[in-house]
Amino acid sequence: MTESHCPNNLLRKVFTYFEEQIIPSWNNSIKALKSTEHVLKQALHLGLVDHCIESLVSKAINEPRLLGEPIKILTSDDPENESISKPKFRRKLFDLDWKSEDLTTLSLRLYVHTIRGMIHRQVPQEYIAANLCQYAKKWLFCDENKIGETLPIYKRDSQREIIEALEKLLPHEKGLLPCTFLFQMLRFSMSLGAKTECKNGLEIRIGNQLDQASVHDLLIPSQGYTKDEQYDTECVRRILTNFYNYDNLDASGLNSVSELIDEFLAEISSDIDLKPTTFLTFADMSLAISRGTQRTSDGIYRAVNIYLDKHRHLTESESEELCGVLDINKLSNEASEHAAQNERLPLRVVVQVLFLSQLKLRDTIVKEVKDCDDEEVKEEMEKMGSKVLELEKECCVMKRQILGGKEKVGIWKEMKRKLGCGTSVNNDHNCHVKKKKVHPR
């Protein structure tokens, strides 16, 4: 078969065909690479695998769109935000009259070897990221109803190997991968029992772009039969810690994540097994992230209200500790009106809300009086200011009664009588203070 036997023998013809027909073609190189999977050891020995991979890498450098179009990362301002995880992968890659073969059809070992070569030769990361998403979609996310413990053991082991290999290839740069995709990878890694290094790597990448996540992404179900809480709050805490440890945080990102935590708290507050310490941990994180911004405390108030409604076994002191995360000064007018009627709140907090509302009203009246030229109107406003001062005195008396240990119900009724609050909040635990204004009756 060699030239030593006779010229133009079979071996020479094979190598000539390989060099002239296989190597120059993207499609043929992939097909040839796939055909080596059953004789991989021999193909590696002959160098066929390395030649095919080098061919693919060289072509990807010159035409990276062979790997797929980069993923379009939609922002919260984009009207198509609901499809944030849908990359533009339709195989209209270029104006060519042939269809390119897909790298994702390769076995894991050959695929990883090929992608590593492309990373080493600096093929643009956005195209590599697009192809990695396609590979995960094909081999991991093809049937999301069957993951983790519902899979046969051999299939579970195979998917765990795939997700651990893909995680090592994923870029760390922000904005190349949708946050939803990273959370999806994280959920699969948990359900498949992947290595800690794999899960930590995904959590770090998520933390780097947490401001692009949605509250649905954070609702990761707890794993195992001994789960105490409905959602994996410890995982979310680690992700938030990763986010907070980044140095290049801007005000917009901080606001987005702070709002995200408030929404997450409101979602998990209805979990009867959620511990007060866990709730306070996330509330403190939200406050720490939003410190120095102009955000209101409405989101935290809504979460506190839901938690108190679903955990009525809390003592007065425990409720007061929970309400300690509320910044009364940052409540909007709607939230203040709601809180002033909310019997679920500790009385001390209600009095503080009313007292602060009266101070704001007094300041407004004083300002209007100074700017008013009409003597009759000015006199009426001064009378109103006197009534506000009387209400402040009543609040001081109520505070002393609270400290003196009087029964809460009696003080509550007296407060409603003096302040004219004829209706209390009993059933409106879903107080959307930003969406719907609550009017006292």
Protein backbone atom coordinates (compact mmCIF):
# COMPACT_ATOMS: atom_id res chain seq x y z
CA MET A 1 0.00 0.00 0.00
CA THR A 2 3.00 2.33 0.33
CA GLU A 3 5.15 3.98 -2.34
CA SER A 4 7.96 1.56 -1.53
CA HIS A 5 5.93 -1.19 -3.11
CA CYS A 6 4.89 0.72 -6.22
CA PRO A 7 4.14 4.33 -7.21
CA ASN A 8 0.68 5.92 -6.80
CA ASN A 9 -0.41 3.31 -4.28
CA LEU A 10 -3.51 3.30 -2.05
CA LEU A 11 -1.98 5.12 0.93
CA ARG A 12 -0.84 8.01 -1.25
CA LYS A 13 -4.31 8.25 -2.80
CA VAL A 14 -5.96 8.32 0.65
CA PHE A 15 -3.74 11.14 1.89
CA THR A 16 -4.18 13.08 -1.33
CA TYR A 17 -7.97 12.80 -1.07
CA PHE A 18 -7.83 13.83 2.62
CA GLU A 19 -5.73 16.92 1.86
CA GLU A 20 -7.61 18.01 -1.25
CA GLN A 21 -11.23 17.08 -0.44
CA ILE A 22 -11.57 16.91 3.37
CA ILE A 23 -9.31 19.56 4.90
CA PRO A 24 -10.39 22.50 2.67
CA SER A 25 -14.09 21.93 3.48
CA TRP A 26 -15.81 22.85 6.77
CA ASN A 27 -18.58 20.31 6.24
CA ASN A 28 -16.26 17.48 5.20
CA SER A 29 -13.91 18.18 8.11
CA ILE A 30 -16.79 17.79 10.59
CA LYS A 31 -18.03 14.64 8.87
CA ALA A 32 -14.55 13.16 8.91
CA LEU A 33 -14.10 14.07 12.55
CA LYS A 34 -17.39 12.38 13.44
CA SER A 35 -16.36 9.25 11.57
CA THR A 36 -13.27 8.88 13.78
CA GLU A 37 -15.30 8.49 16.98
CA HIS A 38 -15.42 4.67 16.70
CA VAL A 39 -11.72 4.35 15.82
CA LEU A 40 -10.50 7.32 17.84
CA LYS A 41 -7.31 5.74 19.11
CA GLN A 42 -6.09 4.89 15.60
CA ALA A 43 -7.21 8.26 14.20
CA LEU A 44 -5.28 10.08 16.93
CA HIS A 45 -2.20 7.98 16.19
CA LEU A 46 -2.36 8.85 12.47
CA GLY A 47 -2.92 12.55 13.23
CA LEU A 48 -6.26 12.68 11.43
CA VAL A 49 -8.08 14.19 14.41
CA ASP A 50 -5.53 16.98 14.86
CA HIS A 51 -5.62 17.82 11.15
CA CYS A 52 -9.43 18.04 11.12
CA ILE A 53 -9.55 20.19 14.26
CA GLU A 54 -6.83 22.50 12.93
CA SER A 55 -8.84 22.86 9.73
CA LEU A 56 -11.99 23.80 11.67
CA VAL A 57 -10.15 26.27 13.91
CA SER A 58 -8.52 28.01 10.93
CA LYS A 59 -11.85 28.36 9.17
CA ALA A 60 -13.54 29.69 12.34
CA ILE A 61 -10.85 32.35 12.64
CA ASN A 62 -11.56 33.56 9.09
CA GLU A 63 -15.36 33.13 9.31
CA PRO A 64 -16.54 32.96 12.96
CA ARG A 65 -20.19 32.96 11.87
CA LEU A 66 -19.70 29.28 11.07
CA LEU A 67 -20.21 28.76 14.82
CA GLY A 68 -23.55 30.58 14.89
CA GLU A 69 -24.70 34.16 15.30
CA PRO A 70 -23.83 35.88 18.61
CA ILE A 71 -26.59 35.87 21.20
CA LYS A 72 -28.63 39.03 21.48
CA ILE A 73 -28.78 39.97 25.15
CA LEU A 74 -32.04 41.89 25.66
CA THR A 75 -32.26 44.58 28.30
CA SER A 76 -35.16 45.39 30.62
CA ASP A 77 -36.11 48.26 28.30
CA ASP A 78 -36.47 45.93 25.32
CA PRO A 79 -40.13 45.09 24.54
CA GLU A 80 -39.03 41.56 23.68
CA ASN A 81 -37.52 41.03 27.12
CA GLU A 82 -39.58 37.89 27.66
CA SER A 83 -37.47 36.11 25.08
CA ILE A 84 -34.15 37.08 26.62
CA SER A 85 -32.89 33.53 26.52
CA LYS A 86 -33.64 33.05 22.83
CA PRO A 87 -30.43 33.55 20.83
CA LYS A 88 -30.42 34.30 17.15
CA PHE A 89 -29.31 30.83 16.20
CA ARG A 90 -31.32 30.36 13.03
CA ARG A 91 -28.95 28.93 10.46
CA LYS A 92 -29.19 31.89 8.12
CA LEU A 93 -25.55 32.45 8.85
CA PHE A 94 -24.46 33.93 5.58
CA ASP A 95 -25.47 34.37 1.99
CA LEU A 96 -24.25 30.99 0.83
CA ASP A 97 -25.94 28.31 -1.21
CA TRP A 98 -24.99 25.47 1.17
CA LYS A 99 -25.86 24.53 4.72
CA SER A 100 -22.96 24.32 7.17
CA GLU A 101 -22.50 21.28 9.36
CA ASP A 102 -22.97 21.90 13.05
CA LEU A 103 -20.18 21.38 15.58
CA THR A 104 -22.78 20.38 18.15
CA THR A 105 -23.16 17.00 16.43
CA LEU A 106 -19.69 15.99 17.67
CA SER A 107 -19.16 13.79 20.68
CA LEU A 108 -18.19 15.59 23.91
CA ARG A 109 -14.52 14.65 23.75
CA LEU A 110 -14.04 15.88 20.18
CA TYR A 111 -16.19 18.96 20.76
CA VAL A 112 -14.22 20.04 23.84
CA HIS A 113 -10.92 19.51 21.99
CA THR A 114 -12.16 21.64 19.08
CA ILE A 115 -13.52 24.50 21.22
CA ARG A 116 -10.33 24.61 23.30
CA GLY A 117 -8.35 25.02 20.08
CA MET A 118 -10.60 27.91 19.07
CA ILE A 119 -10.26 29.59 22.46
CA HIS A 120 -6.47 29.19 22.30
CA ARG A 121 -6.38 30.70 18.79
CA GLN A 122 -8.62 33.57 19.97
CA VAL A 123 -11.72 33.02 17.87
CA PRO A 124 -14.15 35.80 19.00
CA GLN A 125 -15.73 34.76 22.30
CA GLU A 126 -19.27 35.81 21.38
CA TYR A 127 -19.35 33.18 18.61
CA ILE A 128 -17.89 30.47 20.85
CA ALA A 129 -20.48 31.36 23.52
CA ALA A 130 -23.27 31.03 20.94
CA ASN A 131 -22.06 27.55 19.96
CA LEU A 132 -21.73 26.44 23.59
CA CYS A 133 -25.35 27.46 24.17
CA GLN A 134 -26.37 25.40 21.16
CA TYR A 135 -24.48 22.37 22.46
CA ALA A 136 -26.13 22.65 25.88
CA LYS A 137 -29.54 23.04 24.27
CA LYS A 138 -29.00 19.94 22.14
CA TRP A 139 -27.55 17.59 24.78
CA LEU A 140 -28.87 18.95 28.10
CA PHE A 141 -32.03 21.01 27.66
CA CYS A 142 -33.69 18.84 25.04
CA ASP A 143 -36.12 17.42 27.63
CA GLU A 144 -36.33 19.57 30.76
CA ASN A 145 -39.10 17.41 32.19
CA LYS A 146 -36.57 14.63 32.70
CA ILE A 147 -33.61 15.87 34.70
CA GLY A 148 -31.64 14.71 37.67
CA GLU A 149 -33.05 11.80 39.59
CA THR A 150 -35.75 11.07 36.98
CA LEU A 151 -33.08 10.01 34.46
CA PRO A 152 -31.52 6.56 34.10
CA ILE A 153 -28.13 6.35 35.82
CA TYR A 154 -26.12 6.13 32.59
CA LYS A 155 -27.93 9.16 31.14
CA ARG A 156 -27.49 11.12 34.37
CA ASP A 157 -23.75 10.41 34.43
CA SER A 158 -23.43 11.41 30.77
CA GLN A 159 -25.22 14.73 31.31
CA ARG A 160 -23.19 15.47 34.43
CA GLU A 161 -19.99 14.96 32.39
CA ILE A 162 -21.32 17.31 29.69
CA ILE A 163 -22.28 20.12 32.05
CA GLU A 164 -18.98 19.96 33.94
CA ALA A 165 -17.06 20.11 30.64
CA LEU A 166 -19.13 23.00 29.24
CA GLU A 167 -18.77 25.06 32.43
CA LYS A 168 -14.99 25.06 32.02
CA LEU A 169 -15.38 26.41 28.47
CA LEU A 170 -17.91 29.17 29.23
CA PRO A 171 -16.48 32.71 28.99
CA HIS A 172 -16.32 34.85 32.13
CA GLU A 173 -16.85 38.13 30.29
CA LYS A 174 -20.14 39.85 31.10
CA GLY A 175 -22.81 40.09 28.43
CA LEU A 176 -21.81 37.14 26.23
CA LEU A 177 -24.33 34.72 27.74
CA PRO A 178 -27.93 35.37 28.86
CA CYS A 179 -28.37 35.27 32.62
CA THR A 180 -31.33 32.94 32.12
CA PHE A 181 -29.06 30.43 30.36
CA LEU A 182 -26.55 30.50 33.23
CA PHE A 183 -29.32 29.91 35.78
CA GLN A 184 -30.58 27.03 33.66
CA MET A 185 -27.10 25.52 33.68
CA LEU A 186 -26.93 25.99 37.45
CA ARG A 187 -30.24 24.22 38.03
CA PHE A 188 -29.10 21.27 35.93
CA SER A 189 -25.74 21.10 37.71
CA MET A 190 -27.56 20.90 41.04
CA SER A 191 -30.05 18.27 39.95
CA LEU A 192 -27.32 16.17 38.31
CA GLY A 193 -25.03 16.34 41.34
CA ALA A 194 -22.19 18.11 39.51
CA LYS A 195 -18.92 18.93 41.25
CA THR A 196 -18.77 21.92 43.59
CA GLU A 197 -16.24 23.62 41.29
CA CYS A 198 -18.77 23.49 38.45
CA LYS A 199 -21.57 25.04 40.53
CA ASN A 200 -19.25 27.69 41.99
CA GLY A 201 -18.09 28.68 38.50
CA LEU A 202 -21.66 29.19 37.34
CA GLU A 203 -22.57 31.18 40.48
CA ILE A 204 -19.58 33.48 39.93
CA ARG A 205 -20.59 34.15 36.31
CA ILE A 206 -24.18 34.83 37.38
CA GLY A 207 -23.02 37.22 40.10
CA ASN A 208 -21.06 39.16 37.50
CA GLN A 209 -24.26 40.02 35.59
CA LEU A 210 -26.95 39.66 38.24
CA ASP A 211 -28.45 43.00 37.23
CA GLN A 212 -29.69 41.26 34.05
CA ALA A 213 -31.56 38.52 35.94
CA SER A 214 -35.28 38.26 36.64
CA VAL A 215 -36.95 37.17 39.88
CA HIS A 216 -38.02 33.93 38.17
CA ASP A 217 -34.34 33.08 37.66
CA LEU A 218 -33.70 33.31 41.41
CA LEU A 219 -36.49 30.91 42.34
CA ILE A 220 -34.28 27.81 42.41
CA PRO A 221 -36.09 24.86 44.04
CA SER A 222 -34.37 23.26 47.02
CA GLN A 223 -32.82 19.87 46.31
CA GLY A 224 -33.11 16.64 48.31
CA TYR A 225 -35.71 15.04 50.54
CA THR A 226 -34.64 16.91 53.70
CA LYS A 227 -35.14 20.41 52.30
CA ASP A 228 -36.31 22.91 54.92
CA GLU A 229 -37.35 25.70 52.59
CA GLN A 230 -39.13 25.77 49.26
CA TYR A 231 -36.32 27.61 47.47
CA ASP A 232 -32.53 27.38 47.67
CA THR A 233 -31.93 30.67 49.48
CA GLU A 234 -28.35 29.75 50.37
CA CYS A 235 -27.45 29.54 46.67
CA VAL A 236 -29.04 32.95 46.03
CA ARG A 237 -27.12 34.39 49.00
CA ARG A 238 -23.82 33.18 47.50
CA ILE A 239 -24.72 34.72 44.13
CA LEU A 240 -25.51 38.06 45.79
CA THR A 241 -22.20 37.91 47.64
CA ASN A 242 -20.40 37.34 44.34
CA PHE A 243 -22.20 40.35 42.85
CA TYR A 244 -21.34 42.56 45.81
CA ASN A 245 -17.66 41.59 45.62
CA TYR A 246 -17.24 43.05 42.12
CA ASP A 247 -15.49 46.42 42.01
CA ASN A 248 -17.06 47.94 38.87
CA LEU A 249 -20.60 48.34 40.17
CA ASP A 250 -22.62 51.26 38.82
CA ALA A 251 -25.69 52.94 40.30
CA SER A 252 -28.02 51.47 37.70
CA GLY A 253 -26.84 47.93 38.41
CA LEU A 254 -27.12 48.44 42.17
CA ASN A 255 -30.69 49.70 41.83
CA SER A 256 -31.65 46.78 39.59
CA VAL A 257 -30.25 44.17 42.00
CA SER A 258 -31.80 45.88 45.02
CA GLU A 259 -35.22 45.80 43.33
CA LEU A 260 -34.55 42.18 42.36
CA ILE A 261 -33.93 41.22 45.99
CA ASP A 262 -37.13 42.97 47.09
CA GLU A 263 -39.11 41.03 44.48
CA PHE A 264 -37.39 37.80 45.50
CA LEU A 265 -38.26 38.46 49.16
CA ALA A 266 -41.89 39.08 48.27
CA GLU A 267 -41.97 35.76 46.37
CA ILE A 268 -40.40 33.62 49.10
CA SER A 269 -42.15 35.35 52.04
CA SER A 270 -45.21 33.18 51.59
CA ASP A 271 -43.12 30.06 52.32
CA ILE A 272 -44.25 28.97 55.78
CA ASP A 273 -40.84 27.32 56.38
CA LEU A 274 -38.84 30.47 55.64
CA LYS A 275 -36.93 31.41 58.79
CA PRO A 276 -36.95 35.03 60.04
CA THR A 277 -33.14 35.02 60.04
CA THR A 278 -33.12 34.14 56.34
CA PHE A 279 -35.61 36.91 55.59
CA LEU A 280 -33.53 39.45 57.53
CA THR A 281 -30.35 38.37 55.74
CA PHE A 282 -31.78 39.20 52.32
CA ALA A 283 -33.43 42.39 53.58
CA ASP A 284 -30.09 43.58 54.97
CA MET A 285 -28.42 42.78 51.64
CA SER A 286 -31.01 44.85 49.80
CA LEU A 287 -30.46 47.76 52.16
CA ALA A 288 -26.68 47.48 51.82
CA ILE A 289 -26.83 47.48 48.02
CA SER A 290 -29.31 50.38 47.82
CA ARG A 291 -27.53 52.53 50.40
CA GLY A 292 -26.93 56.00 49.02
CA THR A 293 -29.57 55.67 46.30
CA GLN A 294 -32.99 57.34 46.05
CA ARG A 295 -35.00 54.09 46.16
CA THR A 296 -38.04 53.82 48.41
CA SER A 297 -38.59 51.10 51.02
CA ASP A 298 -41.86 50.02 49.41
CA GLY A 299 -40.47 46.71 48.14
CA ILE A 300 -39.18 45.72 51.58
CA TYR A 301 -42.46 46.82 53.18
CA ARG A 302 -44.47 44.63 50.81
CA ALA A 303 -42.27 41.62 51.62
CA VAL A 304 -42.57 42.28 55.38
CA ASN A 305 -46.34 42.54 55.08
CA ILE A 306 -46.59 39.20 53.25
CA TYR A 307 -44.27 37.49 55.73
CA LEU A 308 -46.26 38.72 58.73
CA ASP A 309 -49.48 37.55 57.11
CA LYS A 310 -48.15 34.03 56.43
CA HIS A 311 -46.35 33.68 59.78
CA ARG A 312 -48.93 34.74 62.33
CA HIS A 313 -47.27 32.71 65.05
CA LEU A 314 -44.56 35.38 65.47
CA THR A 315 -44.44 37.18 68.80
CA GLU A 316 -44.65 40.97 69.07
CA SER A 317 -40.90 41.22 69.67
CA GLU A 318 -40.14 38.99 66.66
CA SER A 319 -42.42 41.10 64.48
CA GLU A 320 -40.70 44.27 65.68
CA GLU A 321 -37.29 42.77 64.86
CA LEU A 322 -38.53 41.90 61.38
CA CYS A 323 -39.84 45.43 60.87
CA GLY A 324 -36.46 46.80 61.90
CA VAL A 325 -35.37 46.58 58.27
CA LEU A 326 -38.00 49.14 57.26
CA ASP A 327 -36.82 52.68 56.70
CA ILE A 328 -39.99 54.60 57.54
CA ASN A 329 -38.53 57.79 56.07
CA LYS A 330 -38.28 56.15 52.63
CA LEU A 331 -41.86 54.87 52.37
CA SER A 332 -43.92 56.40 49.60
CA ASN A 333 -47.21 58.10 50.38
CA GLU A 334 -49.16 55.04 49.21
CA ALA A 335 -47.09 52.70 51.39
CA SER A 336 -47.41 55.03 54.39
CA GLU A 337 -51.21 55.13 54.02
CA HIS A 338 -51.28 51.34 53.85
CA ALA A 339 -48.98 50.92 56.85
CA ALA A 340 -51.03 53.35 58.95
CA GLN A 341 -54.01 50.96 58.72
CA ASN A 342 -52.09 47.67 58.85
CA GLU A 343 -52.97 45.71 61.98
CA ARG A 344 -50.36 43.10 61.15
CA LEU A 345 -47.61 45.60 61.89
CA PRO A 346 -46.42 46.07 65.48
CA LEU A 347 -48.11 49.05 67.07
CA ARG A 348 -44.80 50.79 67.62
CA VAL A 349 -44.17 50.79 63.86
CA VAL A 350 -47.66 52.09 63.08
CA VAL A 351 -47.18 54.97 65.52
CA GLN A 352 -43.86 55.83 63.92
CA VAL A 353 -45.48 55.89 60.47
CA LEU A 354 -48.31 58.13 61.69
CA PHE A 355 -45.95 60.43 63.56
CA LEU A 356 -43.73 60.86 60.51
CA SER A 357 -46.75 61.49 58.28
CA GLN A 358 -47.90 64.23 60.65
CA LEU A 359 -44.47 65.84 60.61
CA LYS A 360 -44.50 65.88 56.82
CA LEU A 361 -48.00 67.38 56.86
CA ARG A 362 -46.94 70.04 59.36
CA ASP A 363 -43.92 71.01 57.25
CA THR A 364 -46.15 71.26 54.20
CA ILE A 365 -48.64 73.47 56.06
CA VAL A 366 -45.89 75.76 57.38
CA LYS A 367 -44.49 76.16 53.89
CA GLU A 368 -47.93 76.90 52.42
CA VAL A 369 -48.67 79.42 55.15
CA LYS A 370 -45.47 81.31 54.45
CA ASP A 371 -46.22 81.45 50.73
CA CYS A 372 -49.91 82.35 51.13
CA ASP A 373 -51.14 85.96 50.80
CA ASP A 374 -54.84 85.32 51.44
CA GLU A 375 -55.49 86.06 55.15
CA GLU A 376 -58.62 83.87 55.37
CA VAL A 377 -56.88 80.87 53.83
CA LYS A 378 -53.84 81.54 55.99
CA GLU A 379 -55.99 81.50 59.15
CA GLU A 380 -57.60 78.16 58.15
CA MET A 381 -54.23 76.63 57.50
CA GLU A 382 -52.94 77.77 60.88
CA LYS A 383 -55.95 76.08 62.52
CA MET A 384 -55.10 72.92 60.62
CA GLY A 385 -51.51 73.20 61.86
CA SER A 386 -52.80 73.39 65.44
CA LYS A 387 -54.75 70.18 64.91
CA VAL A 388 -51.62 68.50 63.62
CA LEU A 389 -49.79 69.55 66.79
CA GLU A 390 -52.58 68.01 68.86
CA LEU A 391 -52.23 64.77 66.91
CA GLU A 392 -48.50 64.79 67.62
CA LYS A 393 -49.23 65.05 71.33
CA GLU A 394 -51.67 62.15 71.04
CA CYS A 395 -48.93 60.08 69.38
CA CYS A 396 -46.56 60.86 72.23
CA VAL A 397 -49.20 59.67 74.70
CA MET A 398 -49.65 56.47 72.70
CA LYS A 399 -45.91 55.85 72.75
CA ARG A 400 -45.89 56.15 76.53
CA GLN A 401 -48.84 53.75 76.72
CA ILE A 402 -46.97 51.23 74.58
CA LEU A 403 -43.92 51.46 76.82
CA GLY A 404 -46.21 51.12 79.82
CA GLY A 405 -47.42 47.75 78.51
CA LYS A 406 -51.09 48.50 77.83
CA GLU A 407 -53.05 46.03 75.79
CA LYS A 408 -52.47 46.41 72.06
CA VAL A 409 -56.08 46.02 70.96
CA GLY A 410 -57.34 48.81 73.22
CA ILE A 411 -54.67 51.23 72.08
CA TRP A 412 -55.35 50.29 68.45
CA LYS A 413 -59.04 51.10 68.75
CA GLU A 414 -58.28 54.36 70.53
CA MET A 415 -55.81 55.30 67.84
CA LYS A 416 -58.34 54.67 65.07
CA ARG A 417 -60.92 56.73 66.91
CA LYS A 418 -58.63 59.73 67.39
CA LEU A 419 -57.05 59.63 63.94
CA GLY A 420 -60.23 58.83 62.06
CA CYS A 421 -59.01 55.52 60.66
CA GLY A 422 -62.24 53.62 60.37
CA THR A 423 -60.90 50.68 58.37
CA SER A 424 -58.04 48.31 59.06
CA VAL A 425 -56.03 46.16 56.71
CA ASN A 426 -56.81 42.53 57.35
CA ASN A 427 -56.78 40.73 54.06
CA ASP A 428 -54.69 42.85 51.75
CA HIS A 429 -51.45 41.01 52.35
CA ASN A 430 -50.61 41.44 48.68
CA CYS A 431 -50.15 45.18 49.02
CA HIS A 432 -48.86 46.36 45.68
CA VAL A 433 -47.93 49.80 46.93
CA LYS A 434 -46.33 50.67 43.64
CA LYS A 435 -49.17 49.44 41.48
CA LYS A 436 -52.32 50.22 43.39
CA LYS A 437 -53.03 53.00 45.80
CA VAL A 438 -54.72 51.96 49.04
CA HIS A 439 -57.21 54.52 50.33
CA PRO A 440 -58.22 54.56 54.02
CA ARG A 441 -61.96 54.56 54.45
